[in-house]
Amino acid sequence: MGKNLVLRRVVELGALFLIGDGVMGLIKPRWHSLLWHFGPELAKAVTEELAAHPKTARAVYLAEVAAGIALASTQTPEVD
């Protein structure tokens, strides 16, 4: 049970990150995109594009929130 519990916590933490990051991106897409402007050139190019196109960025961040919610819902036990 211990190993299963650790895995469930890691998955829930991932879902929490996706949801939180997505919501932050929905609120301020340009600022949030530029916050992550570091690393390999491909990552920098993606963040620049998201910063330049806030409507597209919001769509990406909304998809991120949806993915986080879907992931979290797989971890929800049937019985409280």
N, C-alpha and C. Protein backbone atom coordinates (compact mmCIF):
# COMPACT_ATOMS: atom_id res chain seq x y z
N MET A 1 0.82 -1.20 0.00
CA MET A 1 0.00 0.00 0.00
C MET A 1 0.86 1.26 0.00
N GLY A 2 2.03 1.21 0.66
CA GLY A 2 2.89 2.38 0.74
C GLY A 2 3.34 2.88 -0.62
N LYS A 3 3.72 1.95 -1.52
CA LYS A 3 4.19 2.34 -2.85
C LYS A 3 3.04 2.96 -3.65
N ASN A 4 1.85 2.38 -3.54
CA ASN A 4 0.68 2.91 -4.22
C ASN A 4 0.34 4.31 -3.72
N LEU A 5 0.46 4.52 -2.44
CA LEU A 5 0.16 5.83 -1.85
C LEU A 5 1.15 6.89 -2.34
N VAL A 6 2.42 6.52 -2.44
CA VAL A 6 3.43 7.45 -2.94
C VAL A 6 3.12 7.82 -4.39
N LEU A 7 2.79 6.84 -5.20
CA LEU A 7 2.47 7.10 -6.60
C LEU A 7 1.24 8.01 -6.71
N ARG A 8 0.22 7.75 -5.91
CA ARG A 8 -0.97 8.60 -5.94
C ARG A 8 -0.66 10.02 -5.53
N ARG A 9 0.23 10.19 -4.57
CA ARG A 9 0.62 11.54 -4.15
C ARG A 9 1.38 12.27 -5.25
N VAL A 10 2.26 11.54 -5.94
CA VAL A 10 3.04 12.15 -7.03
C VAL A 10 2.10 12.57 -8.17
N VAL A 11 1.16 11.70 -8.50
CA VAL A 11 0.20 12.03 -9.56
C VAL A 11 -0.65 13.23 -9.15
N GLU A 12 -1.09 13.26 -7.90
CA GLU A 12 -1.89 14.39 -7.44
C GLU A 12 -1.07 15.69 -7.43
N LEU A 13 0.18 15.60 -7.09
CA LEU A 13 1.05 16.77 -7.12
C LEU A 13 1.20 17.28 -8.55
N GLY A 14 1.33 16.36 -9.50
CA GLY A 14 1.39 16.75 -10.91
C GLY A 14 0.12 17.44 -11.36
N ALA A 15 -1.03 16.90 -10.94
CA ALA A 15 -2.31 17.51 -11.28
C ALA A 15 -2.42 18.91 -10.67
N LEU A 16 -1.97 19.03 -9.43
CA LEU A 16 -2.00 20.32 -8.75
C LEU A 16 -1.14 21.34 -9.50
N PHE A 17 0.02 20.92 -9.95
CA PHE A 17 0.89 21.82 -10.70
C PHE A 17 0.23 22.23 -12.02
N LEU A 18 -0.34 21.27 -12.75
CA LEU A 18 -0.98 21.59 -14.03
C LEU A 18 -2.12 22.58 -13.84
N ILE A 19 -2.95 22.34 -12.85
CA ILE A 19 -4.10 23.23 -12.62
C ILE A 19 -3.63 24.62 -12.21
N GLY A 20 -2.71 24.69 -11.26
CA GLY A 20 -2.23 25.99 -10.79
C GLY A 20 -1.51 26.77 -11.88
N ASP A 21 -0.64 26.09 -12.61
CA ASP A 21 0.09 26.76 -13.68
C ASP A 21 -0.87 27.24 -14.77
N GLY A 22 -1.85 26.41 -15.09
CA GLY A 22 -2.83 26.79 -16.11
C GLY A 22 -3.65 27.99 -15.69
N VAL A 23 -4.07 28.03 -14.44
CA VAL A 23 -4.86 29.17 -13.96
C VAL A 23 -4.01 30.45 -13.98
N MET A 24 -2.78 30.35 -13.56
CA MET A 24 -1.89 31.54 -13.61
C MET A 24 -1.74 32.03 -15.05
N GLY A 25 -1.63 31.09 -15.99
CA GLY A 25 -1.52 31.46 -17.40
C GLY A 25 -2.80 32.09 -17.94
N LEU A 26 -3.94 31.64 -17.44
CA LEU A 26 -5.20 32.24 -17.88
C LEU A 26 -5.34 33.68 -17.39
N ILE A 27 -4.85 33.94 -16.20
CA ILE A 27 -4.97 35.28 -15.61
C ILE A 27 -4.08 36.29 -16.34
N LYS A 28 -2.81 35.94 -16.51
CA LYS A 28 -1.84 36.85 -17.15
C LYS A 28 -0.99 36.04 -18.12
N PRO A 29 -1.50 35.76 -19.32
CA PRO A 29 -0.78 34.86 -20.24
C PRO A 29 0.59 35.37 -20.68
N ARG A 30 0.71 36.66 -20.97
CA ARG A 30 2.00 37.18 -21.44
C ARG A 30 3.03 37.12 -20.32
N TRP A 31 2.69 37.63 -19.15
CA TRP A 31 3.62 37.64 -18.02
C TRP A 31 4.02 36.23 -17.63
N HIS A 32 3.04 35.34 -17.55
CA HIS A 32 3.33 33.97 -17.13
C HIS A 32 4.19 33.24 -18.15
N SER A 33 3.94 33.46 -19.42
CA SER A 33 4.75 32.82 -20.45
C SER A 33 6.20 33.29 -20.38
N LEU A 34 6.39 34.58 -20.21
CA LEU A 34 7.76 35.12 -20.14
C LEU A 34 8.47 34.72 -18.86
N LEU A 35 7.72 34.41 -17.81
CA LEU A 35 8.32 33.93 -16.57
C LEU A 35 9.11 32.66 -16.81
N TRP A 36 8.66 31.83 -17.74
CA TRP A 36 9.30 30.54 -18.03
C TRP A 36 10.23 30.63 -19.23
N HIS A 37 10.67 31.83 -19.59
CA HIS A 37 11.54 32.03 -20.76
C HIS A 37 13.00 31.76 -20.40
N PHE A 38 13.36 30.47 -20.37
CA PHE A 38 14.74 30.07 -20.12
C PHE A 38 14.92 28.66 -20.66
N GLY A 39 16.14 28.21 -20.66
CA GLY A 39 16.41 26.84 -21.08
C GLY A 39 16.78 26.74 -22.55
N PRO A 40 16.50 25.58 -23.15
CA PRO A 40 16.85 25.35 -24.56
C PRO A 40 16.13 26.33 -25.49
N GLU A 41 16.68 26.50 -26.66
CA GLU A 41 16.11 27.44 -27.63
C GLU A 41 14.66 27.11 -27.97
N LEU A 42 14.32 25.83 -28.06
CA LEU A 42 12.94 25.45 -28.37
C LEU A 42 11.99 25.94 -27.28
N ALA A 43 12.37 25.78 -26.04
CA ALA A 43 11.54 26.26 -24.92
C ALA A 43 11.39 27.77 -24.98
N LYS A 44 12.47 28.47 -25.27
CA LYS A 44 12.40 29.94 -25.37
C LYS A 44 11.50 30.37 -26.51
N ALA A 45 11.59 29.66 -27.64
CA ALA A 45 10.76 30.00 -28.79
C ALA A 45 9.27 29.80 -28.47
N VAL A 46 8.95 28.73 -27.75
CA VAL A 46 7.56 28.48 -27.38
C VAL A 46 7.04 29.57 -26.46
N THR A 47 7.83 29.94 -25.45
CA THR A 47 7.37 30.97 -24.53
C THR A 47 7.23 32.32 -25.22
N GLU A 48 8.10 32.62 -26.17
CA GLU A 48 7.97 33.87 -26.93
C GLU A 48 6.69 33.88 -27.75
N GLU A 49 6.37 32.75 -28.38
CA GLU A 49 5.14 32.67 -29.17
C GLU A 49 3.91 32.81 -28.29
N LEU A 50 3.92 32.16 -27.14
CA LEU A 50 2.78 32.29 -26.22
C LEU A 50 2.63 33.72 -25.73
N ALA A 51 3.75 34.38 -25.45
CA ALA A 51 3.70 35.77 -24.99
C ALA A 51 3.19 36.70 -26.09
N ALA A 52 3.52 36.37 -27.34
CA ALA A 52 3.11 37.22 -28.46
C ALA A 52 1.64 37.00 -28.84
N HIS A 53 1.09 35.87 -28.48
CA HIS A 53 -0.29 35.54 -28.87
C HIS A 53 -1.09 35.13 -27.62
N PRO A 54 -1.59 36.10 -26.85
CA PRO A 54 -2.26 35.80 -25.59
C PRO A 54 -3.53 34.95 -25.74
N LYS A 55 -4.27 35.09 -26.84
CA LYS A 55 -5.47 34.27 -27.01
C LYS A 55 -5.09 32.80 -27.19
N THR A 56 -4.07 32.55 -27.96
CA THR A 56 -3.58 31.19 -28.14
C THR A 56 -3.03 30.66 -26.83
N ALA A 57 -2.31 31.51 -26.10
CA ALA A 57 -1.76 31.11 -24.81
C ALA A 57 -2.88 30.73 -23.85
N ARG A 58 -3.95 31.49 -23.84
CA ARG A 58 -5.07 31.17 -22.95
C ARG A 58 -5.69 29.82 -23.31
N ALA A 59 -5.76 29.52 -24.60
CA ALA A 59 -6.28 28.22 -25.02
C ALA A 59 -5.37 27.10 -24.53
N VAL A 60 -4.06 27.30 -24.63
CA VAL A 60 -3.10 26.30 -24.16
C VAL A 60 -3.23 26.14 -22.65
N TYR A 61 -3.32 27.24 -21.94
CA TYR A 61 -3.43 27.17 -20.48
C TYR A 61 -4.76 26.55 -20.04
N LEU A 62 -5.82 26.81 -20.78
CA LEU A 62 -7.10 26.17 -20.47
C LEU A 62 -7.01 24.66 -20.67
N ALA A 63 -6.34 24.24 -21.73
CA ALA A 63 -6.13 22.80 -21.95
C ALA A 63 -5.29 22.20 -20.82
N GLU A 64 -4.34 22.96 -20.33
CA GLU A 64 -3.51 22.50 -19.21
C GLU A 64 -4.35 22.30 -17.95
N VAL A 65 -5.26 23.24 -17.69
CA VAL A 65 -6.16 23.11 -16.54
C VAL A 65 -7.04 21.87 -16.71
N ALA A 66 -7.59 21.68 -17.91
CA ALA A 66 -8.44 20.52 -18.17
C ALA A 66 -7.68 19.21 -17.99
N ALA A 67 -6.43 19.17 -18.44
CA ALA A 67 -5.61 17.97 -18.26
C ALA A 67 -5.34 17.71 -16.78
N GLY A 68 -5.09 18.77 -16.03
CA GLY A 68 -4.87 18.63 -14.60
C GLY A 68 -6.11 18.12 -13.88
N ILE A 69 -7.26 18.63 -14.27
CA ILE A 69 -8.52 18.18 -13.66
C ILE A 69 -8.78 16.72 -14.01
N ALA A 70 -8.55 16.35 -15.26
CA ALA A 70 -8.74 14.96 -15.67
C ALA A 70 -7.79 14.04 -14.90
N LEU A 71 -6.55 14.46 -14.75
CA LEU A 71 -5.58 13.66 -14.00
C LEU A 71 -5.99 13.54 -12.53
N ALA A 72 -6.42 14.64 -11.94
CA ALA A 72 -6.85 14.62 -10.54
C ALA A 72 -8.07 13.73 -10.35
N SER A 73 -8.97 13.74 -11.31
CA SER A 73 -10.18 12.94 -11.16
C SER A 73 -9.90 11.44 -11.21
N THR A 74 -8.78 11.05 -11.81
CA THR A 74 -8.43 9.63 -11.80
C THR A 74 -7.92 9.20 -10.44
N GLN A 75 -7.54 10.15 -9.60
CA GLN A 75 -6.99 9.84 -8.28
C GLN A 75 -8.02 9.95 -7.18
N THR A 76 -9.22 10.39 -7.51
CA THR A 76 -10.25 10.58 -6.51
C THR A 76 -10.87 9.24 -6.14
N PRO A 77 -10.82 8.87 -4.87
CA PRO A 77 -11.44 7.61 -4.48
C PRO A 77 -12.96 7.68 -4.60
N GLU A 78 -13.57 6.56 -4.85
CA GLU A 78 -15.02 6.51 -5.00
C GLU A 78 -15.73 6.76 -3.68
N VAL A 79 -15.09 6.38 -2.57
CA VAL A 79 -15.69 6.54 -1.25
C VAL A 79 -14.88 7.57 -0.48
N ASP A 80 -15.56 8.55 0.12
CA ASP A 80 -14.86 9.57 0.91
C ASP A 80 -14.40 9.03 2.24
